[in-house]
């Protein structure tokens, strides 16, 4: 099965894959998670406010983001938002959003489950803005969502962003070694995600003992 497997192409591509591709993936994951926490917390507070003018838009927004696939949101922000911005600003040219900004906005708006779960699970705490009391309970959910986000960032390849999967894809097409590069990319995603999942499970057990 591996008689024609070219390990050398993987070895030669490691600097490009990790220094450029994985760096972008990790940066996008971290920024989107941070932004998602802020936006998600605000949305949770809006939904808990009991004021219809706040709760209804927040609920509609959350349901929309849950119902639309990430890949479509990426396309929407990348291709459509520049023209909406042009119309709103009455500019002569479409606004330049860019691939990175489109990816970051998409994942930030989509990465709200952990922060929203914090607000919905601890309404009294959120109402008094005592976030430190809820932080311990939020961490496992947040880390789990971050792992999912790390995997989902691979979708940015559809707008030609060079994340880790995008870098592997470019090497695969350049050298004609699709099996090697996609197999290696899958193994890297698995190792990182599995190790992170085990760490989260260990943390959950520790939190349960503390409780």
N, C-alpha and C. Protein backbone atom coordinates (compact mmCIF):
# COMPACT_ATOMS: atom_id res chain seq x y z
N UNK A 1 0.82 -1.21 0.00
CA UNK A 1 0.00 0.00 0.00
C UNK A 1 0.86 1.26 0.00
N UNK A 2 1.98 1.24 0.75
CA UNK A 2 2.83 2.41 0.85
C UNK A 2 4.09 2.28 0.00
N UNK A 3 4.07 1.37 -0.97
CA UNK A 3 5.27 1.16 -1.78
C UNK A 3 5.62 2.38 -2.60
N UNK A 4 4.61 3.13 -3.05
CA UNK A 4 4.86 4.33 -3.85
C UNK A 4 4.65 5.61 -3.05
N UNK A 5 4.52 5.47 -1.75
CA UNK A 5 4.28 6.63 -0.90
C UNK A 5 5.56 7.42 -0.75
N UNK A 6 5.51 8.69 -1.15
CA UNK A 6 6.70 9.55 -1.13
C UNK A 6 6.75 10.34 0.18
N UNK A 7 7.50 9.84 1.15
CA UNK A 7 7.64 10.54 2.42
C UNK A 7 8.52 11.78 2.29
N UNK A 8 9.37 11.78 1.27
CA UNK A 8 10.30 12.90 1.12
C UNK A 8 9.57 14.20 0.79
N UNK A 9 8.47 14.13 0.04
CA UNK A 9 7.74 15.34 -0.30
C UNK A 9 7.14 15.98 0.95
N UNK A 10 6.76 15.15 1.91
CA UNK A 10 6.25 15.67 3.17
C UNK A 10 7.37 16.36 3.95
N UNK A 11 8.50 15.70 4.02
CA UNK A 11 9.64 16.24 4.76
C UNK A 11 10.10 17.57 4.18
N UNK A 12 10.15 17.66 2.84
CA UNK A 12 10.59 18.89 2.20
C UNK A 12 9.61 20.03 2.42
N UNK A 13 8.34 19.70 2.61
CA UNK A 13 7.30 20.72 2.71
C UNK A 13 7.00 21.16 4.13
N UNK A 14 7.63 20.53 5.13
CA UNK A 14 7.30 20.84 6.52
C UNK A 14 7.44 22.32 6.88
N UNK A 15 8.53 22.99 6.49
CA UNK A 15 8.63 24.42 6.85
C UNK A 15 7.46 25.24 6.29
N UNK A 16 7.10 25.00 5.04
CA UNK A 16 5.99 25.74 4.43
C UNK A 16 4.67 25.39 5.10
N UNK A 17 4.45 24.11 5.37
CA UNK A 17 3.19 23.66 5.96
C UNK A 17 2.97 24.26 7.34
N UNK A 18 4.02 24.27 8.15
CA UNK A 18 3.85 24.69 9.54
C UNK A 18 4.12 26.18 9.74
N UNK A 19 5.15 26.73 9.13
CA UNK A 19 5.47 28.13 9.37
C UNK A 19 4.45 29.06 8.74
N UNK A 20 3.91 28.66 7.60
CA UNK A 20 2.90 29.51 6.95
C UNK A 20 1.50 28.97 7.17
N UNK A 21 1.27 27.71 6.82
CA UNK A 21 -0.07 27.14 6.90
C UNK A 21 -0.60 27.01 8.32
N UNK A 22 0.15 26.32 9.19
CA UNK A 22 -0.34 26.09 10.55
C UNK A 22 -0.35 27.38 11.36
N UNK A 23 0.60 28.27 11.09
CA UNK A 23 0.60 29.56 11.79
C UNK A 23 -0.70 30.31 11.51
N UNK A 24 -1.12 30.33 10.26
CA UNK A 24 -2.38 31.00 9.91
C UNK A 24 -3.56 30.31 10.58
N UNK A 25 -3.59 28.98 10.56
CA UNK A 25 -4.69 28.23 11.16
C UNK A 25 -4.82 28.53 12.65
N UNK A 26 -3.71 28.49 13.37
CA UNK A 26 -3.72 28.75 14.81
C UNK A 26 -4.12 30.20 15.10
N UNK A 27 -3.59 31.14 14.31
CA UNK A 27 -3.93 32.55 14.52
C UNK A 27 -5.41 32.79 14.28
N UNK A 28 -5.96 32.22 13.20
CA UNK A 28 -7.38 32.37 12.91
C UNK A 28 -8.23 31.75 14.00
N UNK A 29 -7.84 30.58 14.49
CA UNK A 29 -8.57 29.93 15.58
C UNK A 29 -8.58 30.78 16.83
N UNK A 30 -7.42 31.31 17.21
CA UNK A 30 -7.32 32.11 18.44
C UNK A 30 -8.13 33.40 18.33
N UNK A 31 -8.00 34.12 17.22
CA UNK A 31 -8.71 35.39 17.06
C UNK A 31 -10.22 35.18 16.99
N UNK A 32 -10.63 34.14 16.25
CA UNK A 32 -12.07 33.88 16.13
C UNK A 32 -12.67 33.43 17.46
N UNK A 33 -11.92 32.67 18.24
CA UNK A 33 -12.41 32.25 19.55
C UNK A 33 -12.58 33.45 20.47
N UNK A 34 -11.58 34.33 20.49
CA UNK A 34 -11.66 35.52 21.34
C UNK A 34 -12.82 36.41 20.92
N UNK A 35 -12.94 36.65 19.62
CA UNK A 35 -14.05 37.47 19.14
C UNK A 35 -15.39 36.82 19.38
N UNK A 36 -15.43 35.49 19.22
CA UNK A 36 -16.69 34.78 19.44
C UNK A 36 -17.16 34.84 20.88
N UNK A 37 -16.22 34.83 21.82
CA UNK A 37 -16.58 34.93 23.23
C UNK A 37 -17.24 36.28 23.50
N UNK A 38 -16.64 37.34 22.97
CA UNK A 38 -17.19 38.68 23.20
C UNK A 38 -18.58 38.81 22.59
N UNK A 39 -18.70 38.45 21.30
CA UNK A 39 -19.98 38.58 20.62
C UNK A 39 -21.01 37.64 21.23
N UNK A 40 -20.58 36.41 21.53
CA UNK A 40 -21.51 35.45 22.12
C UNK A 40 -22.03 35.87 23.47
N UNK A 41 -21.16 36.47 24.29
CA UNK A 41 -21.59 36.95 25.60
C UNK A 41 -22.60 38.07 25.46
N UNK A 42 -22.34 38.99 24.54
CA UNK A 42 -23.29 40.09 24.30
C UNK A 42 -24.64 39.56 23.81
N UNK A 43 -24.60 38.57 22.92
CA UNK A 43 -25.85 37.99 22.43
C UNK A 43 -26.60 37.28 23.55
N UNK A 44 -25.85 36.58 24.41
CA UNK A 44 -26.49 35.89 25.53
C UNK A 44 -27.18 36.89 26.46
N UNK A 45 -26.50 38.02 26.73
CA UNK A 45 -27.10 39.05 27.58
C UNK A 45 -28.34 39.65 26.92
N UNK A 46 -28.30 39.81 25.61
CA UNK A 46 -29.46 40.33 24.88
C UNK A 46 -30.64 39.37 25.00
N UNK A 47 -30.37 38.06 24.86
CA UNK A 47 -31.45 37.08 24.94
C UNK A 47 -32.00 36.94 26.35
N UNK A 48 -31.19 37.24 27.34
CA UNK A 48 -31.64 37.14 28.73
C UNK A 48 -32.25 38.43 29.24
N UNK A 49 -32.20 39.47 28.43
CA UNK A 49 -32.65 40.78 28.91
C UNK A 49 -34.15 40.85 29.13
N UNK A 50 -34.92 40.03 28.40
CA UNK A 50 -36.37 40.11 28.51
C UNK A 50 -36.98 41.26 27.73
N UNK A 51 -36.15 42.02 27.02
CA UNK A 51 -36.63 43.14 26.21
C UNK A 51 -36.79 42.65 24.77
N UNK A 52 -38.02 42.63 24.23
CA UNK A 52 -38.24 42.07 22.89
C UNK A 52 -37.35 42.67 21.80
N UNK A 53 -37.09 43.98 21.89
CA UNK A 53 -36.29 44.61 20.85
C UNK A 53 -34.84 44.10 20.86
N UNK A 54 -34.43 43.47 21.96
CA UNK A 54 -33.10 42.87 22.05
C UNK A 54 -33.14 41.36 21.87
N UNK A 55 -34.12 40.70 22.49
CA UNK A 55 -34.17 39.24 22.47
C UNK A 55 -34.49 38.70 21.08
N UNK A 56 -35.40 39.33 20.36
CA UNK A 56 -35.81 38.81 19.06
C UNK A 56 -34.69 38.87 18.02
N UNK A 57 -34.00 40.02 17.86
CA UNK A 57 -32.88 40.03 16.91
C UNK A 57 -31.76 39.06 17.28
N UNK A 58 -31.48 38.95 18.59
CA UNK A 58 -30.43 38.04 19.03
C UNK A 58 -30.80 36.59 18.72
N UNK A 59 -32.05 36.21 19.00
CA UNK A 59 -32.50 34.85 18.72
C UNK A 59 -32.48 34.56 17.22
N UNK A 60 -32.92 35.53 16.41
CA UNK A 60 -32.92 35.36 14.96
C UNK A 60 -31.50 35.20 14.43
N UNK A 61 -30.59 36.00 14.98
CA UNK A 61 -29.19 35.94 14.55
C UNK A 61 -28.57 34.58 14.87
N UNK A 62 -28.79 34.11 16.10
CA UNK A 62 -28.23 32.82 16.51
C UNK A 62 -28.79 31.69 15.66
N UNK A 63 -30.09 31.70 15.43
CA UNK A 63 -30.71 30.65 14.62
C UNK A 63 -30.20 30.67 13.19
N UNK A 64 -29.98 31.87 12.65
CA UNK A 64 -29.44 31.97 11.30
C UNK A 64 -28.05 31.38 11.22
N UNK A 65 -27.19 31.73 12.16
CA UNK A 65 -25.82 31.25 12.15
C UNK A 65 -25.74 29.74 12.37
N UNK A 66 -26.69 29.19 13.12
CA UNK A 66 -26.71 27.75 13.33
C UNK A 66 -27.21 26.99 12.11
N UNK A 67 -27.99 27.66 11.26
CA UNK A 67 -28.67 26.98 10.16
C UNK A 67 -27.91 27.05 8.84
N UNK A 68 -26.96 27.99 8.74
CA UNK A 68 -26.23 28.17 7.48
C UNK A 68 -24.84 27.55 7.59
N UNK A 69 -24.44 26.69 6.64
CA UNK A 69 -23.11 26.07 6.69
C UNK A 69 -22.01 27.13 6.66
N UNK A 70 -20.91 26.83 7.33
CA UNK A 70 -19.79 27.76 7.38
C UNK A 70 -19.29 28.12 5.98
N UNK A 71 -19.24 27.12 5.09
CA UNK A 71 -18.68 27.38 3.77
C UNK A 71 -19.50 28.42 3.02
N UNK A 72 -20.81 28.42 3.23
CA UNK A 72 -21.66 29.43 2.59
C UNK A 72 -21.45 30.80 3.21
N UNK A 73 -21.25 30.85 4.53
CA UNK A 73 -20.98 32.13 5.18
C UNK A 73 -19.66 32.71 4.69
N UNK A 74 -18.66 31.86 4.50
CA UNK A 74 -17.38 32.32 3.99
C UNK A 74 -17.55 32.94 2.61
N UNK A 75 -18.26 32.22 1.73
CA UNK A 75 -18.51 32.75 0.40
C UNK A 75 -19.30 34.06 0.48
N UNK A 76 -20.28 34.12 1.37
CA UNK A 76 -21.12 35.30 1.47
C UNK A 76 -20.31 36.52 1.88
N UNK A 77 -19.50 36.38 2.91
CA UNK A 77 -18.69 37.50 3.36
C UNK A 77 -17.64 37.89 2.33
N UNK A 78 -17.08 36.92 1.65
CA UNK A 78 -15.98 37.20 0.71
C UNK A 78 -16.47 37.84 -0.59
N UNK A 79 -17.61 37.35 -1.11
CA UNK A 79 -18.07 37.82 -2.41
C UNK A 79 -19.18 38.86 -2.35
N UNK A 80 -20.06 38.78 -1.34
CA UNK A 80 -21.23 39.64 -1.34
C UNK A 80 -21.06 40.90 -0.49
N UNK A 81 -20.43 40.76 0.68
CA UNK A 81 -20.29 41.90 1.59
C UNK A 81 -19.60 43.10 0.94
N UNK A 82 -18.55 42.93 0.11
CA UNK A 82 -17.95 44.10 -0.53
C UNK A 82 -18.95 44.94 -1.32
N UNK A 83 -19.93 44.28 -1.98
CA UNK A 83 -20.91 45.02 -2.76
C UNK A 83 -21.98 45.66 -1.86
N UNK A 84 -22.30 44.98 -0.76
CA UNK A 84 -23.21 45.61 0.21
C UNK A 84 -22.56 46.85 0.81
N UNK A 85 -21.26 46.74 1.14
CA UNK A 85 -20.54 47.89 1.66
C UNK A 85 -20.47 49.02 0.64
N UNK A 86 -20.29 48.68 -0.63
CA UNK A 86 -20.27 49.69 -1.68
C UNK A 86 -21.61 50.43 -1.76
N UNK A 87 -22.70 49.66 -1.66
CA UNK A 87 -24.03 50.26 -1.71
C UNK A 87 -24.30 51.15 -0.50
N UNK A 88 -23.89 50.70 0.67
CA UNK A 88 -24.14 51.46 1.90
C UNK A 88 -23.32 52.73 1.95
N UNK A 89 -22.08 52.67 1.46
CA UNK A 89 -21.20 53.84 1.52
C UNK A 89 -21.24 54.68 0.25
N UNK A 90 -21.99 54.21 -0.74
CA UNK A 90 -22.09 54.90 -2.03
C UNK A 90 -20.72 55.07 -2.68
N UNK A 91 -19.88 54.07 -2.48
CA UNK A 91 -18.54 54.10 -3.04
C UNK A 91 -18.59 53.73 -4.53
N UNK A 92 -17.58 54.16 -5.27
CA UNK A 92 -17.51 53.84 -6.70
C UNK A 92 -17.05 52.42 -6.93
N UNK A 93 -16.37 51.84 -5.96
CA UNK A 93 -15.84 50.48 -6.09
C UNK A 93 -16.27 49.64 -4.90
N UNK A 94 -16.38 48.30 -5.09
CA UNK A 94 -16.68 47.42 -3.95
C UNK A 94 -15.62 47.55 -2.87
N UNK A 95 -16.05 47.50 -1.61
CA UNK A 95 -15.10 47.59 -0.51
C UNK A 95 -14.21 46.36 -0.48
N UNK A 96 -12.94 46.57 -0.20
CA UNK A 96 -11.99 45.47 -0.15
C UNK A 96 -12.01 44.82 1.23
N UNK A 97 -12.68 43.70 1.33
CA UNK A 97 -12.75 42.98 2.60
C UNK A 97 -11.54 42.08 2.76
N UNK A 98 -11.21 41.32 1.73
CA UNK A 98 -10.03 40.46 1.77
C UNK A 98 -10.34 39.08 2.33
N UNK A 99 -9.50 38.12 1.96
CA UNK A 99 -9.73 36.72 2.35
C UNK A 99 -9.58 36.52 3.86
N UNK A 100 -8.53 37.14 4.45
CA UNK A 100 -8.32 36.94 5.89
C UNK A 100 -9.45 37.56 6.70
N UNK A 101 -9.84 38.79 6.36
CA UNK A 101 -10.92 39.44 7.09
C UNK A 101 -12.22 38.67 6.95
N UNK A 102 -12.50 38.16 5.74
CA UNK A 102 -13.72 37.36 5.53
C UNK A 102 -13.71 36.11 6.39
N UNK A 103 -12.55 35.44 6.45
CA UNK A 103 -12.45 34.23 7.26
C UNK A 103 -12.63 34.55 8.74
N UNK A 104 -11.97 35.61 9.21
CA UNK A 104 -12.04 35.95 10.62
C UNK A 104 -13.45 36.35 11.03
N UNK A 105 -14.11 37.19 10.22
CA UNK A 105 -15.47 37.62 10.53
C UNK A 105 -16.41 36.43 10.55
N UNK A 106 -16.27 35.54 9.56
CA UNK A 106 -17.14 34.37 9.48
C UNK A 106 -17.03 33.50 10.71
N UNK A 107 -15.82 33.15 11.09
CA UNK A 107 -15.64 32.25 12.22
C UNK A 107 -15.91 32.93 13.56
N UNK A 108 -15.66 34.24 13.63
CA UNK A 108 -16.00 34.95 14.86
C UNK A 108 -17.51 34.95 15.06
N UNK A 109 -18.27 35.20 13.99
CA UNK A 109 -19.72 35.23 14.09
C UNK A 109 -20.29 33.84 14.30
N UNK A 110 -19.59 32.84 13.86
CA UNK A 110 -20.10 31.49 14.02
C UNK A 110 -19.69 30.83 15.31
N UNK A 111 -18.60 31.31 15.92
CA UNK A 111 -18.04 30.69 17.13
C UNK A 111 -18.66 31.33 18.36
N UNK A 112 -19.94 31.04 18.62
CA UNK A 112 -20.63 31.67 19.74
C UNK A 112 -21.19 30.66 20.73
N UNK A 113 -21.11 29.38 20.42
CA UNK A 113 -21.80 28.39 21.23
C UNK A 113 -21.32 28.37 22.67
N UNK A 114 -20.00 28.47 22.86
CA UNK A 114 -19.48 28.39 24.23
C UNK A 114 -19.91 29.58 25.07
N UNK A 115 -19.74 30.78 24.54
CA UNK A 115 -20.12 31.97 25.29
C UNK A 115 -21.61 32.05 25.48
N UNK A 116 -22.38 31.62 24.46
CA UNK A 116 -23.82 31.64 24.60
C UNK A 116 -24.26 30.63 25.66
N UNK A 117 -23.59 29.46 25.67
CA UNK A 117 -23.92 28.46 26.67
C UNK A 117 -23.64 28.99 28.07
N UNK A 118 -22.59 29.78 28.20
CA UNK A 118 -22.28 30.40 29.50
C UNK A 118 -23.44 31.27 29.95
N UNK A 119 -23.93 32.11 29.05
CA UNK A 119 -25.01 33.01 29.42
C UNK A 119 -26.31 32.27 29.70
N UNK A 120 -26.61 31.26 28.92
CA UNK A 120 -27.88 30.57 29.09
C UNK A 120 -27.85 29.66 30.32
N UNK A 121 -26.68 29.20 30.70
CA UNK A 121 -26.59 28.30 31.84
C UNK A 121 -26.53 29.06 33.15
N UNK A 122 -25.97 30.25 33.14
CA UNK A 122 -25.80 31.02 34.37
C UNK A 122 -26.38 32.44 34.19
N UNK A 123 -27.70 32.54 34.00
CA UNK A 123 -28.29 33.87 33.75
C UNK A 123 -28.10 34.84 34.91
N UNK A 124 -28.21 34.33 36.14
CA UNK A 124 -28.03 35.22 37.28
C UNK A 124 -26.61 35.76 37.34
N UNK A 125 -25.65 34.86 37.12
CA UNK A 125 -24.25 35.28 37.14
C UNK A 125 -23.99 36.32 36.08
N UNK A 126 -24.48 36.06 34.86
CA UNK A 126 -24.26 37.01 33.78
C UNK A 126 -24.96 38.32 34.06
N UNK A 127 -26.12 38.25 34.71
CA UNK A 127 -26.86 39.48 35.01
C UNK A 127 -26.08 40.39 35.93
N UNK A 128 -25.30 39.80 36.84
CA UNK A 128 -24.50 40.60 37.78
C UNK A 128 -23.07 40.80 37.30
N UNK A 129 -22.75 40.31 36.11
CA UNK A 129 -21.42 40.44 35.51
C UNK A 129 -20.33 39.86 36.41
N UNK A 130 -20.64 38.73 37.04
CA UNK A 130 -19.63 38.08 37.88
C UNK A 130 -19.03 36.94 37.07
N UNK A 131 -18.30 37.28 36.02
CA UNK A 131 -17.76 36.27 35.12
C UNK A 131 -16.76 35.31 35.79
N UNK A 132 -15.93 35.77 36.74
CA UNK A 132 -14.98 34.82 37.33
C UNK A 132 -15.65 33.60 37.97
N UNK A 133 -16.86 33.77 38.51
CA UNK A 133 -17.53 32.64 39.16
C UNK A 133 -17.96 31.59 38.13
N UNK A 134 -18.19 32.03 36.89
CA UNK A 134 -18.65 31.09 35.87
C UNK A 134 -17.51 30.58 35.00
N UNK A 135 -16.34 31.17 35.10
CA UNK A 135 -15.25 30.83 34.20
C UNK A 135 -14.86 29.36 34.30
N UNK A 136 -14.77 28.84 35.52
CA UNK A 136 -14.37 27.45 35.69
C UNK A 136 -15.31 26.49 34.97
N UNK A 137 -16.61 26.79 35.00
CA UNK A 137 -17.57 25.92 34.35
C UNK A 137 -17.60 26.11 32.83
N UNK A 138 -17.18 27.27 32.38
CA UNK A 138 -17.20 27.57 30.96
C UNK A 138 -16.02 26.96 30.21
N UNK A 139 -14.89 26.79 30.86
CA UNK A 139 -13.65 26.42 30.19
C UNK A 139 -13.77 25.14 29.35
N UNK A 140 -14.30 24.02 29.86
CA UNK A 140 -14.39 22.82 29.02
C UNK A 140 -15.21 23.03 27.76
N UNK A 141 -16.34 23.74 27.88
CA UNK A 141 -17.18 24.00 26.71
C UNK A 141 -16.43 24.87 25.72
N UNK A 142 -15.77 25.89 26.21
CA UNK A 142 -15.01 26.80 25.36
C UNK A 142 -13.90 26.05 24.63
N UNK A 143 -13.16 25.21 25.34
CA UNK A 143 -12.07 24.47 24.71
C UNK A 143 -12.59 23.47 23.68
N UNK A 144 -13.72 22.84 23.96
CA UNK A 144 -14.31 21.92 22.99
C UNK A 144 -14.70 22.65 21.72
N UNK A 145 -15.32 23.82 21.88
CA UNK A 145 -15.70 24.62 20.72
C UNK A 145 -14.46 25.10 19.96
N UNK A 146 -13.38 25.36 20.67
CA UNK A 146 -12.15 25.79 20.01
C UNK A 146 -11.57 24.67 19.16
N UNK A 147 -11.64 23.45 19.64
CA UNK A 147 -11.18 22.30 18.86
C UNK A 147 -12.00 22.17 17.57
N UNK A 148 -13.32 22.31 17.71
CA UNK A 148 -14.18 22.24 16.53
C UNK A 148 -13.85 23.36 15.56
N UNK A 149 -13.61 24.55 16.09
CA UNK A 149 -13.25 25.68 15.25
C UNK A 149 -11.93 25.43 14.54
N UNK A 150 -10.95 24.85 15.24
CA UNK A 150 -9.67 24.52 14.64
C UNK A 150 -9.86 23.62 13.42
N UNK A 151 -10.75 22.65 13.54
CA UNK A 151 -11.04 21.78 12.40
C UNK A 151 -11.77 22.51 11.29
N UNK A 152 -12.71 23.36 11.66
CA UNK A 152 -13.53 24.06 10.67
C UNK A 152 -12.75 25.10 9.89
N UNK A 153 -11.65 25.59 10.43
CA UNK A 153 -10.89 26.61 9.71
C UNK A 153 -10.36 26.09 8.38
N UNK A 154 -10.30 24.78 8.21
CA UNK A 154 -9.85 24.22 6.94
C UNK A 154 -10.77 24.60 5.79
N UNK A 155 -11.99 25.07 6.10
CA UNK A 155 -12.93 25.46 5.05
C UNK A 155 -12.49 26.71 4.31
N UNK A 156 -11.55 27.46 4.86
CA UNK A 156 -11.15 28.70 4.18
C UNK A 156 -10.40 28.42 2.88
N UNK A 157 -10.08 27.16 2.61
CA UNK A 157 -9.41 26.85 1.35
C UNK A 157 -10.28 27.22 0.15
N UNK A 158 -11.60 27.32 0.36
CA UNK A 158 -12.51 27.62 -0.76
C UNK A 158 -12.31 29.03 -1.29
N UNK A 159 -11.68 29.92 -0.50
CA UNK A 159 -11.38 31.26 -1.00
C UNK A 159 -9.86 31.44 -1.12
N UNK A 160 -9.17 30.31 -1.31
CA UNK A 160 -7.74 30.30 -1.61
C UNK A 160 -6.87 30.89 -0.51
N UNK A 161 -7.30 30.76 0.75
CA UNK A 161 -6.47 31.19 1.87
C UNK A 161 -5.50 30.08 2.21
N UNK A 162 -4.25 30.44 2.48
CA UNK A 162 -3.24 29.43 2.75
C UNK A 162 -3.19 29.10 4.23
N UNK A 163 -4.17 28.32 4.68
CA UNK A 163 -4.10 27.75 6.03
C UNK A 163 -3.33 26.44 5.92
N UNK A 164 -3.38 25.60 6.94
CA UNK A 164 -2.61 24.36 6.90
C UNK A 164 -3.08 23.45 5.77
N UNK A 165 -4.41 23.25 5.66
CA UNK A 165 -4.92 22.41 4.59
C UNK A 165 -4.67 23.04 3.23
N UNK A 166 -4.81 24.36 3.14
CA UNK A 166 -4.54 25.05 1.89
C UNK A 166 -3.10 24.88 1.45
N UNK A 167 -2.17 24.97 2.41
CA UNK A 167 -0.76 24.77 2.10
C UNK A 167 -0.50 23.35 1.62
N UNK A 168 -1.11 22.38 2.30
CA UNK A 168 -0.95 20.98 1.88
C UNK A 168 -1.52 20.76 0.48
N UNK A 169 -2.66 21.40 0.20
CA UNK A 169 -3.28 21.27 -1.11
C UNK A 169 -2.41 21.84 -2.21
N UNK A 170 -1.76 22.99 -1.95
CA UNK A 170 -0.90 23.61 -2.95
C UNK A 170 0.32 22.74 -3.24
N UNK A 171 0.91 22.16 -2.19
CA UNK A 171 2.04 21.26 -2.40
C UNK A 171 1.60 20.02 -3.17
N UNK A 172 0.42 19.49 -2.81
CA UNK A 172 -0.10 18.30 -3.48
C UNK A 172 -0.29 18.54 -4.97
N UNK A 173 -0.85 19.68 -5.33
CA UNK A 173 -1.08 19.99 -6.74
C UNK A 173 0.23 20.29 -7.47
N UNK A 174 1.14 20.96 -6.77
CA UNK A 174 2.42 21.31 -7.41
C UNK A 174 3.26 20.07 -7.72
N UNK A 175 3.32 19.14 -6.76
CA UNK A 175 4.18 17.96 -6.91
C UNK A 175 3.42 16.73 -7.38
N UNK A 176 2.11 16.85 -7.52
CA UNK A 176 1.33 15.69 -7.95
C UNK A 176 1.30 14.57 -6.92
N UNK A 177 1.35 14.90 -5.64
CA UNK A 177 1.36 13.90 -4.56
C UNK A 177 0.17 14.13 -3.64
N UNK A 178 -1.02 13.95 -4.19
CA UNK A 178 -2.25 14.22 -3.43
C UNK A 178 -2.40 13.27 -2.25
N UNK A 179 -2.12 11.98 -2.46
CA UNK A 179 -2.30 10.99 -1.40
C UNK A 179 -1.41 11.32 -0.21
N UNK A 180 -0.15 11.60 -0.48
CA UNK A 180 0.80 11.86 0.59
C UNK A 180 0.41 13.11 1.40
N UNK A 181 0.12 14.20 0.70
CA UNK A 181 -0.13 15.46 1.39
C UNK A 181 -1.45 15.46 2.15
N UNK A 182 -2.50 14.91 1.53
CA UNK A 182 -3.79 14.90 2.23
C UNK A 182 -3.79 13.89 3.38
N UNK A 183 -3.05 12.81 3.23
CA UNK A 183 -2.93 11.86 4.33
C UNK A 183 -2.17 12.48 5.50
N UNK A 184 -1.10 13.19 5.19
CA UNK A 184 -0.33 13.85 6.24
C UNK A 184 -1.17 14.92 6.93
N UNK A 185 -1.90 15.72 6.14
CA UNK A 185 -2.75 16.76 6.73
C UNK A 185 -3.80 16.16 7.66
N UNK A 186 -4.42 15.05 7.22
CA UNK A 186 -5.42 14.40 8.05
C UNK A 186 -4.81 13.90 9.36
N UNK A 187 -3.61 13.34 9.28
CA UNK A 187 -2.94 12.84 10.48
C UNK A 187 -2.62 13.98 11.46
N UNK A 188 -2.18 15.12 10.93
CA UNK A 188 -1.86 16.26 11.79
C UNK A 188 -3.11 16.78 12.49
N UNK A 189 -4.19 16.94 11.73
CA UNK A 189 -5.45 17.39 12.34
C UNK A 189 -5.92 16.40 13.40
N UNK A 190 -5.78 15.11 13.11
CA UNK A 190 -6.22 14.10 14.08
C UNK A 190 -5.40 14.14 15.35
N UNK A 191 -4.09 14.19 15.21
CA UNK A 191 -3.21 14.18 16.40
C UNK A 191 -3.49 15.39 17.28
N UNK A 192 -3.56 16.58 16.67
CA UNK A 192 -3.79 17.79 17.45
C UNK A 192 -5.16 17.77 18.11
N UNK A 193 -6.18 17.40 17.34
CA UNK A 193 -7.55 17.41 17.87
C UNK A 193 -7.74 16.33 18.94
N UNK A 194 -7.17 15.16 18.72
CA UNK A 194 -7.31 14.07 19.70
C UNK A 194 -6.60 14.42 21.00
N UNK A 195 -5.38 14.95 20.88
CA UNK A 195 -4.64 15.33 22.08
C UNK A 195 -5.37 16.43 22.85
N UNK A 196 -5.90 17.40 22.12
CA UNK A 196 -6.64 18.48 22.77
C UNK A 196 -7.92 17.95 23.42
N UNK A 197 -8.59 17.01 22.77
CA UNK A 197 -9.82 16.44 23.32
C UNK A 197 -9.54 15.68 24.61
N UNK A 198 -8.44 14.93 24.64
CA UNK A 198 -8.08 14.20 25.85
C UNK A 198 -7.75 15.18 26.98
N UNK A 199 -7.10 16.29 26.65
CA UNK A 199 -6.78 17.29 27.67
C UNK A 199 -8.05 17.91 28.23
N UNK A 200 -9.03 18.17 27.36
CA UNK A 200 -10.30 18.73 27.82
C UNK A 200 -11.03 17.73 28.71
N UNK A 201 -11.03 16.45 28.33
CA UNK A 201 -11.68 15.43 29.14
C UNK A 201 -11.03 15.34 30.53
N UNK A 202 -9.71 15.43 30.58
CA UNK A 202 -9.00 15.42 31.86
C UNK A 202 -9.38 16.64 32.69
N UNK A 203 -9.49 17.78 32.04
CA UNK A 203 -9.87 19.00 32.75
C UNK A 203 -11.28 18.90 33.29
N UNK A 204 -12.19 18.32 32.52
CA UNK A 204 -13.57 18.14 32.99
C UNK A 204 -13.62 17.26 34.23
N UNK A 205 -12.80 16.21 34.26
CA UNK A 205 -12.77 15.33 35.44
C UNK A 205 -12.23 16.08 36.65
N UNK A 206 -11.23 16.92 36.43
CA UNK A 206 -10.68 17.69 37.54
C UNK A 206 -11.72 18.67 38.08
N UNK A 207 -12.44 19.32 37.17
CA UNK A 207 -13.47 20.27 37.61
C UNK A 207 -14.57 19.56 38.37
N UNK A 208 -14.94 18.35 37.89
CA UNK A 208 -15.99 17.58 38.58
C UNK A 208 -15.56 17.22 39.99
N UNK A 209 -14.28 16.90 40.18
CA UNK A 209 -13.78 16.55 41.51
C UNK A 209 -13.81 17.78 42.43
N UNK A 210 -13.42 18.94 41.87
CA UNK A 210 -13.41 20.18 42.66
C UNK A 210 -14.83 20.52 43.13
N UNK A 211 -15.81 20.30 42.23
CA UNK A 211 -17.18 20.57 42.62
C UNK A 211 -17.62 19.69 43.76
